[in-house]
Protein backbone atom coordinates (compact mmCIF):
# COMPACT_ATOMS: atom_id res chain seq x y z
CA MET A 1 15.12 41.60 -51.28
CA LYS A 2 14.93 42.76 -47.66
CA SER A 3 17.69 44.36 -45.60
CA ILE A 4 18.25 43.58 -41.89
CA ILE A 5 20.58 44.63 -39.14
CA LEU A 6 22.52 41.46 -38.28
CA ASN A 7 21.54 40.09 -34.89
CA PHE A 8 23.54 37.88 -32.55
CA SER A 9 22.71 34.56 -34.20
CA PHE A 10 23.66 35.85 -37.65
CA GLY A 11 26.86 37.38 -36.28
CA PHE A 12 27.92 34.08 -34.86
CA LEU A 13 27.05 32.41 -38.16
CA ILE A 14 29.25 34.87 -40.04
CA SER A 15 32.18 34.23 -37.70
CA ILE A 16 31.87 30.54 -38.40
CA LEU A 17 31.54 30.97 -42.15
CA GLY A 18 34.60 33.23 -42.15
CA LEU A 19 36.87 30.24 -41.54
CA ASN A 20 38.82 29.25 -44.63
CA ASN A 21 39.77 25.72 -43.64
CA ILE A 22 37.89 22.84 -42.04
CA PHE A 23 40.03 20.31 -40.21
CA ALA A 24 37.31 18.16 -38.59
CA GLN A 25 36.17 15.14 -40.56
CA GLN A 26 32.52 15.66 -39.49
CA ASN A 27 30.32 18.26 -37.88
CA VAL A 28 30.06 18.75 -34.12
CA GLY A 29 27.06 19.03 -31.82
CA ILE A 30 27.17 20.63 -28.35
CA SER A 31 24.09 20.15 -26.18
CA GLU A 32 22.88 19.40 -22.68
CA THR A 33 21.07 16.42 -24.19
CA PRO A 34 22.25 14.16 -27.02
CA ILE A 35 21.60 15.65 -30.49
CA ILE A 36 22.60 14.90 -34.08
CA PRO A 37 23.99 18.12 -35.61
CA ASP A 38 22.51 19.26 -38.89
CA VAL A 39 24.49 17.94 -41.85
CA THR A 40 24.84 21.49 -43.24
CA SER A 41 26.49 22.86 -40.10
CA ILE A 42 30.08 22.45 -38.96
CA LEU A 43 28.93 23.19 -35.39
CA GLU A 44 25.45 23.06 -33.88
CA ILE A 45 24.82 24.26 -30.33
CA TYR A 46 21.52 23.49 -28.59
CA SER A 47 20.23 24.58 -25.19
CA THR A 48 16.95 25.76 -23.67
CA SER A 49 18.52 27.36 -20.59
CA LYS A 50 21.97 28.67 -21.57
CA GLY A 51 23.58 30.87 -24.23
CA ILE A 52 26.90 31.34 -26.03
CA LEU A 53 29.41 33.68 -24.36
CA ILE A 54 31.46 35.54 -26.99
CA PRO A 55 34.91 36.89 -25.91
CA ARG A 56 34.48 40.24 -24.14
CA LEU A 57 37.12 42.92 -24.87
CA THR A 58 37.53 46.62 -24.27
CA SER A 59 37.85 48.88 -27.30
CA ILE A 60 41.64 49.12 -26.78
CA GLN A 61 41.96 45.35 -26.56
CA ARG A 62 39.81 44.88 -29.68
CA ASN A 63 41.83 47.40 -31.70
CA SER A 64 45.06 45.74 -30.51
CA ILE A 65 44.24 42.51 -32.39
CA VAL A 66 46.82 42.19 -35.19
CA SER A 67 45.45 41.42 -38.67
CA PRO A 68 41.96 40.35 -37.53
CA ALA A 69 40.27 37.76 -39.72
CA ASN A 70 37.36 38.75 -41.91
CA GLY A 71 34.19 38.13 -39.87
CA LEU A 72 35.99 37.95 -36.49
CA LEU A 73 33.35 38.56 -33.77
CA VAL A 74 33.86 40.04 -30.29
CA PHE A 75 31.74 41.86 -27.70
CA ASP A 76 33.02 45.38 -26.94
CA THR A 77 32.34 46.07 -23.25
CA GLU A 78 32.73 49.85 -23.74
CA GLU A 79 30.46 50.03 -26.78
CA ASP A 80 28.16 47.47 -25.10
CA CYS A 81 27.72 45.90 -28.52
CA PHE A 82 28.89 43.05 -30.76
CA MET A 83 31.55 44.04 -33.24
CA PHE A 84 32.84 42.12 -36.28
CA TYR A 85 35.76 42.87 -38.56
CA SER A 86 35.13 43.48 -42.28
CA SER A 87 37.99 43.03 -44.71
CA PHE A 88 35.91 44.87 -47.32
CA SER A 89 35.94 48.07 -45.27
CA SER A 90 39.11 47.21 -43.31
CA ALA A 91 37.31 48.27 -40.15
CA TRP A 92 35.33 46.96 -37.24
CA GLN A 93 31.56 47.09 -37.76
CA SER A 94 28.87 47.30 -35.02
CA LEU A 95 25.95 44.85 -34.91
CA CYS A 96 23.85 46.99 -32.59
CA ASN A 97 20.33 47.79 -33.73
CA SER A 98 20.76 51.55 -33.83
CA ALA A 99 19.83 54.25 -36.29
CA PRO A 100 21.85 53.90 -39.51
CA THR A 101 24.79 56.22 -39.96
CA ALA A 102 26.52 57.32 -43.11
CA ASN A 103 27.93 54.36 -45.03
CA SER A 104 26.49 51.80 -42.55
CA TYR A 105 27.49 48.25 -43.22
CA LEU A 106 24.32 46.28 -44.02
CA ILE A 107 23.46 42.65 -44.49
CA SER A 108 20.52 41.47 -46.55
CA SER A 109 18.93 38.04 -46.76
CA ASN A 110 17.06 36.40 -49.60
CA THR A 111 15.20 33.09 -49.50
CA LEU A 112 16.31 30.70 -52.24
CA SER A 113 14.21 27.97 -53.82
CA SER A 114 15.70 24.66 -54.93
CA GLY A 115 18.27 25.26 -57.63
CA THR A 116 21.93 25.21 -58.55
CA LEU A 117 23.07 27.30 -55.60
CA CYS A 118 21.05 25.29 -53.04
CA PRO A 119 19.61 21.97 -54.28
CA ASN A 120 17.17 21.89 -51.36
CA GLY A 121 16.61 25.63 -51.08
CA GLY A 122 18.09 27.95 -48.46
CA ILE A 123 19.00 31.55 -47.65
CA GLN A 124 21.51 33.89 -49.38
CA PHE A 125 23.25 36.52 -47.23
CA SER A 126 24.68 39.59 -49.00
CA PHE A 127 27.02 42.19 -47.48
CA GLY A 128 27.93 45.79 -48.36
CA PHE A 129 27.98 49.45 -47.32
CA ASP A 130 24.87 51.61 -47.59
CA LEU A 131 26.56 54.21 -49.77
CA ASN A 132 23.40 56.20 -50.51
CA ASN A 133 22.17 55.97 -46.88
CA ASN A 134 18.69 54.71 -47.85
CA ASN A 135 18.84 52.01 -45.13
CA SER A 136 18.67 49.38 -47.86
CA LEU A 137 21.37 47.30 -49.51
CA ASP A 138 21.08 47.96 -53.25
CA ILE A 139 22.45 45.52 -55.84
CA SER A 140 25.26 47.93 -56.72
CA GLU A 141 26.28 48.08 -53.05
CA ILE A 142 26.60 44.29 -52.61
CA ASP A 143 30.10 42.78 -52.43
CA PRO A 144 29.68 39.54 -54.46
CA ALA A 145 32.82 38.06 -52.94
CA LEU A 146 31.14 38.01 -49.54
CA ASN A 147 27.90 36.36 -50.65
CA THR A 148 27.17 33.48 -48.30
CA PHE A 149 24.66 30.68 -48.83
CA VAL A 150 23.03 28.69 -46.07
CA CYS A 151 21.44 25.72 -47.78
CA ASN A 152 18.91 23.33 -46.40
CA GLY A 153 20.35 19.84 -45.85
CA LEU A 154 18.71 16.51 -46.51
CA GLN A 155 16.47 15.15 -43.82
CA GLY A 156 18.63 13.00 -41.55
CA SER A 157 17.55 9.57 -40.44
CA ILE A 158 15.72 9.31 -37.17
CA GLY A 159 18.11 8.43 -34.35
CA LEU A 160 17.66 5.49 -32.06
CA THR A 161 15.31 5.93 -29.16
CA GLY A 162 17.28 6.77 -26.02
CA ALA A 163 17.05 4.65 -22.93
CA THR A 164 14.19 5.43 -20.61
CA GLY A 165 15.26 7.81 -17.84
CA LEU A 166 15.16 6.88 -14.20
CA GLN A 167 11.86 7.13 -12.42
CA GLY A 168 11.54 10.52 -10.76
CA ASP A 169 10.99 10.81 -7.05
CA GLN A 170 7.46 10.50 -5.78
CA GLY A 171 5.86 13.90 -5.51
CA ILE A 172 4.75 15.19 -2.16
CA GLN A 173 1.26 14.04 -1.22
CA GLY A 174 -1.15 16.84 -1.88
CA LEU A 175 -3.23 18.24 0.95
CA THR A 176 -6.60 16.64 1.49
CA GLY A 177 -9.31 18.88 0.17
CA ALA A 178 -11.87 20.30 2.55
CA THR A 179 -14.99 18.20 3.04
CA GLY A 180 -17.89 19.57 1.06
CA PRO A 181 -21.02 20.80 2.86
CA GLN A 182 -23.66 18.26 3.82
CA GLY A 183 -26.26 17.84 1.12
CA ASP A 184 -29.88 18.64 1.88
CA GLN A 185 -32.00 15.86 3.41
CA GLY A 186 -34.08 14.11 0.80
CA PHE A 187 -37.89 14.10 1.13
CA GLN A 188 -39.31 11.36 3.37
CA GLY A 189 -41.05 8.77 1.25
CA LEU A 190 -44.76 8.12 1.90
CA THR A 191 -45.53 5.30 4.34
CA GLY A 192 -47.07 2.30 2.58
CA ALA A 193 -50.57 1.20 3.59
CA THR A 194 -50.75 -1.41 6.38
CA GLY A 195 -51.88 -4.82 5.18
CA LEU A 196 -55.11 -6.35 6.53
CA GLN A 197 -54.78 -8.54 9.64
CA GLY A 198 -54.89 -12.23 8.76
CA ILE A 199 -57.68 -14.38 10.25
CA GLN A 200 -56.77 -15.91 13.64
CA GLY A 201 -56.48 -19.68 13.43
CA ILE A 202 -58.80 -21.87 15.60
CA GLN A 203 -57.36 -22.82 19.03
CA GLY A 204 -56.43 -26.50 19.19
CA ILE A 205 -58.09 -28.75 21.86
CA GLN A 206 -56.20 -28.86 25.18
CA GLY A 207 -54.75 -32.34 25.79
CA LEU A 208 -55.64 -34.19 29.02
CA THR A 209 -53.19 -33.99 31.93
CA GLY A 210 -51.61 -37.38 32.72
CA ALA A 211 -52.12 -38.97 36.17
CA ILE A 212 -49.38 -38.41 38.80
CA GLY A 213 -47.42 -41.61 39.61
CA ALA A 214 -47.42 -43.09 43.13
CA GLN A 215 -44.68 -42.06 45.63
CA GLY A 216 -41.92 -44.67 45.94
CA PRO A 217 -40.94 -45.97 49.44
CA ILE A 218 -38.17 -44.11 51.32
CA GLY A 219 -34.96 -46.12 51.70
CA LEU A 220 -33.64 -47.27 55.14
CA THR A 221 -31.15 -45.00 56.99
CA GLY A 222 -27.62 -46.49 57.11
CA ALA A 223 -25.93 -47.29 60.48
CA THR A 224 -23.62 -44.64 62.04
CA GLY A 225 -19.93 -45.49 61.74
CA LEU A 226 -17.75 -46.19 64.79
CA THR A 227 -15.86 -43.31 66.48
CA GLY A 228 -12.11 -43.54 65.88
CA ALA A 229 -9.77 -44.14 68.87
CA THR A 230 -7.99 -41.12 70.46
CA GLY A 231 -4.30 -40.89 69.53
CA ALA A 232 -1.63 -41.56 72.19
CA GLN A 233 -0.05 -38.62 74.13
CA GLY A 234 3.27 -37.54 72.57
CA PRO A 235 6.45 -37.98 74.73
CA ILE A 236 7.61 -35.09 76.95
CA GLY A 237 10.93 -33.59 75.83
CA LEU A 238 14.10 -34.08 77.99
CA THR A 239 15.30 -31.27 80.28
CA GLY A 240 18.46 -29.65 78.91
CA ALA A 241 21.71 -29.83 80.91
CA THR A 242 22.46 -26.98 83.30
CA GLY A 243 25.18 -24.66 81.98
CA LEU A 244 28.41 -24.03 83.85
CA THR A 245 28.49 -21.16 86.32
CA GLY A 246 30.51 -18.28 84.87
CA ALA A 247 33.30 -16.53 86.72
CA THR A 248 32.28 -13.66 88.95
CA GLY A 249 33.06 -10.35 87.30
CA ALA A 250 34.33 -7.23 89.05
CA GLN A 251 31.72 -5.16 90.81
CA GLY A 252 30.74 -2.37 88.38
CA PRO A 253 29.44 1.02 89.38
CA ILE A 254 25.83 1.11 90.29
CA GLY A 255 23.94 2.53 87.37
CA LEU A 256 20.99 4.83 87.49
CA THR A 257 17.73 3.16 88.13
CA GLY A 258 15.99 2.79 84.80
CA ALA A 259 12.36 3.38 84.25
CA THR A 260 10.16 0.46 85.05
CA GLY A 261 9.29 -1.33 81.83
CA LEU A 262 5.82 -2.39 80.93
CA THR A 263 4.81 -5.81 82.18
CA GLY A 264 5.08 -8.24 79.29
CA ALA A 265 2.29 -10.60 78.44
CA THR A 266 2.34 -13.91 80.29
CA GLY A 267 3.68 -16.63 78.04
CA ALA A 268 1.91 -19.97 77.58
CA GLN A 269 2.57 -22.59 80.26
CA GLY A 270 5.32 -24.91 79.09
CA PRO A 271 5.34 -28.63 80.02
CA ILE A 272 6.89 -29.55 83.40
CA GLY A 273 10.33 -31.04 82.78
CA LEU A 274 11.56 -34.21 84.52
CA THR A 275 13.28 -33.68 87.90
CA GLY A 276 17.00 -34.30 87.54
CA SER A 277 19.02 -36.28 90.07
CA THR A 278 20.50 -34.33 92.98
CA GLY A 279 24.19 -33.58 92.41
CA ALA A 280 26.93 -33.60 95.06
CA THR A 281 27.14 -30.52 97.19
CA GLY A 282 30.10 -28.41 96.12
CA PRO A 283 32.03 -25.92 98.20
CA GLN A 284 30.35 -22.68 99.07
CA GLY A 285 31.23 -20.24 96.28
CA ASP A 286 31.12 -16.47 96.28
CA GLN A 287 27.77 -14.95 95.85
CA GLY A 288 27.45 -14.50 92.07
CA ILE A 289 25.54 -11.81 90.20
CA GLN A 290 21.89 -12.60 89.88
CA GLY A 291 21.65 -14.47 86.57
CA ILE A 292 19.12 -13.59 83.90
CA ILE A 293 15.97 -15.61 84.20
CA GLY A 294 16.03 -18.23 81.50
CA ALA A 295 13.45 -18.21 78.77
CA ILE A 296 10.42 -20.42 79.25
CA GLY A 297 10.76 -23.63 77.25
CA PRO A 298 8.61 -24.14 74.18
CA GLN A 299 5.22 -25.81 74.34
CA GLY A 300 5.45 -29.57 73.91
CA VAL A 301 4.23 -31.08 70.60
CA THR A 302 0.52 -31.91 70.63
CA GLY A 303 -0.18 -35.57 70.07
CA ALA A 304 -1.53 -36.67 66.70
CA THR A 305 -5.29 -36.82 66.26
CA GLY A 306 -6.69 -40.33 66.04
CA ALA A 307 -7.97 -41.65 62.72
CA THR A 308 -11.61 -40.94 61.87
CA GLY A 309 -13.89 -43.99 62.01
CA GLN A 310 -15.23 -45.50 58.77
CA GLN A 311 -18.37 -44.04 57.23
CA GLY A 312 -21.42 -46.25 57.69
CA ALA A 313 -22.88 -47.88 54.56
CA THR A 314 -25.56 -45.85 52.73
CA GLY A 315 -29.07 -47.35 52.73
CA GLN A 316 -30.52 -48.68 49.47
CA GLN A 317 -32.42 -46.29 47.15
CA GLY A 318 -36.18 -46.62 47.26
CA ILE A 319 -37.98 -47.92 44.17
CA GLN A 320 -38.84 -45.20 41.62
CA GLY A 321 -42.58 -44.63 41.27
CA VAL A 322 -44.21 -45.39 37.91
CA ALA A 323 -44.51 -42.26 35.76
CA GLY A 324 -48.02 -41.29 34.64
CA THR A 325 -48.81 -41.43 30.92
CA ASN A 326 -48.78 -38.15 28.99
CA GLY A 327 -52.06 -36.83 27.60
CA THR A 328 -52.47 -36.69 23.82
CA ASN A 329 -51.46 -33.44 22.16
CA GLY A 330 -54.19 -31.19 20.80
CA LEU A 331 -54.38 -30.69 17.02
CA PRO A 332 -52.51 -27.54 15.85
CA GLY A 333 -54.73 -24.64 14.75
CA ALA A 334 -54.83 -23.70 11.07
CA THR A 335 -52.42 -20.88 10.03
CA GLY A 336 -54.18 -17.61 9.22
CA SER A 337 -53.79 -16.22 5.67
CA GLN A 338 -51.01 -13.67 5.01
CA GLY A 339 -52.19 -10.05 5.16
CA PRO A 340 -51.37 -7.81 2.18
CA ILE A 341 -48.02 -6.05 2.28
């Protein structure tokens, strides 16, 4: 039989086993992922990243608990240790792994094989005070009323396979590895021997050149077409009517003499308009201001060009000379034999 100082997991187990009544109809499992709690446990907690947080009390708060239950577990923040209450000693006991003191409360464990106490085997936990301070729980120091058995349960059936989880996001594309160094150049293979030159075939006989055909007669030159008649002269436009003489304005002040402008280019000669009939002589009017010289009339339209005369008929094509006969082709020379590769 071996004696141990109860650690956290055993302390929690004792607090659970200290309950006298079970009100749930089945055991309970608490986990981040679905689990089936062991049939021998009233509560199974599973996690790979979190722990169980036991109530944290000061020593005054812990000692203020009225009639604490046997096996009640708390964490004393002043002792910095887990403490559980023992009805056997009517006192709080420390679970810290420290050097044993006089009358330390010890817990021992013993592995059980299959038998009456545990049909499938298990572990027996015994409790008592180390009265002789030998750091071992002797048989006479064990409180039989507190013996606790943790038996192995039957193997549960395998649960149904859970649904396949969602596809995770595509990982980031890894960096392209550096290009390895260029391998050494392989040895140049030996050049194969050049094959022997094949024998040149015999030149075929040159065929005779055919005789050149006689030149055909040149055709007669066609007559020159007649020159088209010159188009008629277009009509001369009518002279526009003379505008009315405007009223004489008041004599303005004589302005400064402006600079003499450059002489403009002489415009093209317009056609001479028809002479209008002489009008009746009117009364002598006041001398009017010299009018602006009217613009020179536009050039008259050039008459249309006469139609081009018809093209004379083309003379007949001379007779094609007879083509000379081709000479016979020479026989092809024999192909030389293939040289070795």
